[in-house]
Amino acid sequence: MNCPNCGEETTQKFRPFCSKRCADIDLAKWLNGSYAVPSQREEDLEAEVEAEDPMPKRPH
């Protein structure tokens, strides 16, 4: 298995990373928002649909 950050061979102690440095780099990416998990919240889905719809719906 290779380290996802640098590609070096991993070590058991820091798996899936090769060193504490690479593990810390990955953690920093999560903490500063470089990585993000897509939200499945209903409000986010509604906002996405509204952003795609060029004509707002009007009541009758």
Protein backbone atom coordinates (compact mmCIF):
# COMPACT_ATOMS: atom_id res chain seq x y z
CA MET A 1 0.00 0.00 0.00
CA ASN A 2 1.30 3.45 -0.89
CA CYS A 3 0.83 6.70 1.02
CA PRO A 4 -2.00 8.77 -0.52
CA ASN A 5 0.00 12.01 -0.03
CA CYS A 6 3.48 11.21 -1.32
CA GLY A 7 3.28 7.70 -2.80
CA GLU A 8 5.95 6.17 -0.51
CA GLU A 9 5.48 2.73 1.05
CA THR A 10 3.34 2.91 4.21
CA THR A 11 4.35 1.83 7.69
CA GLN A 12 2.10 -0.05 10.10
CA LYS A 13 2.31 2.70 12.74
CA PHE A 14 0.96 5.46 10.45
CA ARG A 15 -1.10 3.41 8.00
CA PRO A 16 -2.44 4.44 5.50
CA PHE A 17 0.34 7.05 5.55
CA CYS A 18 4.10 6.61 5.48
CA SER A 19 4.92 8.99 8.33
CA LYS A 20 3.48 11.29 10.97
CA ARG A 21 4.23 14.21 8.65
CA CYS A 22 1.99 12.85 5.88
CA ALA A 23 -0.73 11.99 8.41
CA ASP A 24 -0.57 15.56 9.75
CA ILE A 25 -0.73 17.01 6.24
CA ASP A 26 -3.89 15.00 5.58
CA LEU A 27 -5.43 16.09 8.90
CA ALA A 28 -4.66 19.74 8.10
CA LYS A 29 -6.47 19.39 4.76
CA TRP A 30 -9.58 18.17 6.57
CA LEU A 31 -9.37 20.90 9.20
CA ASN A 32 -8.93 23.79 6.76
CA GLY A 33 -11.72 22.60 4.46
CA SER A 34 -9.67 21.38 1.50
CA TYR A 35 -11.55 18.10 1.76
CA ALA A 36 -15.32 18.17 2.05
CA VAL A 37 -17.99 15.53 2.28
CA PRO A 38 -21.10 16.36 0.21
CA SER A 39 -24.12 17.21 2.29
CA GLN A 40 -27.40 15.36 1.95
CA ARG A 41 -29.38 17.85 4.05
CA GLU A 42 -32.75 18.78 2.59
CA GLU A 43 -32.00 22.54 2.73
CA ASP A 44 -28.88 22.06 0.63
CA LEU A 45 -30.78 20.05 -1.97
CA GLU A 46 -33.49 22.73 -2.20
CA ALA A 47 -30.90 25.48 -2.64
CA GLU A 48 -29.23 23.49 -5.40
CA VAL A 49 -32.53 23.02 -7.24
CA GLU A 50 -33.37 26.73 -6.92
CA ALA A 51 -29.95 27.68 -8.27
CA GLU A 52 -30.52 25.48 -11.34
CA ASP A 53 -34.07 26.75 -12.02
CA PRO A 54 -33.85 30.01 -14.03
CA MET A 55 -37.57 30.82 -13.62
CA PRO A 56 -38.86 30.97 -10.03
CA LYS A 57 -42.18 29.25 -9.48
CA ARG A 58 -45.09 31.62 -8.88
CA PRO A 59 -48.30 30.80 -7.03
CA HIS A 60 -51.44 30.73 -9.13
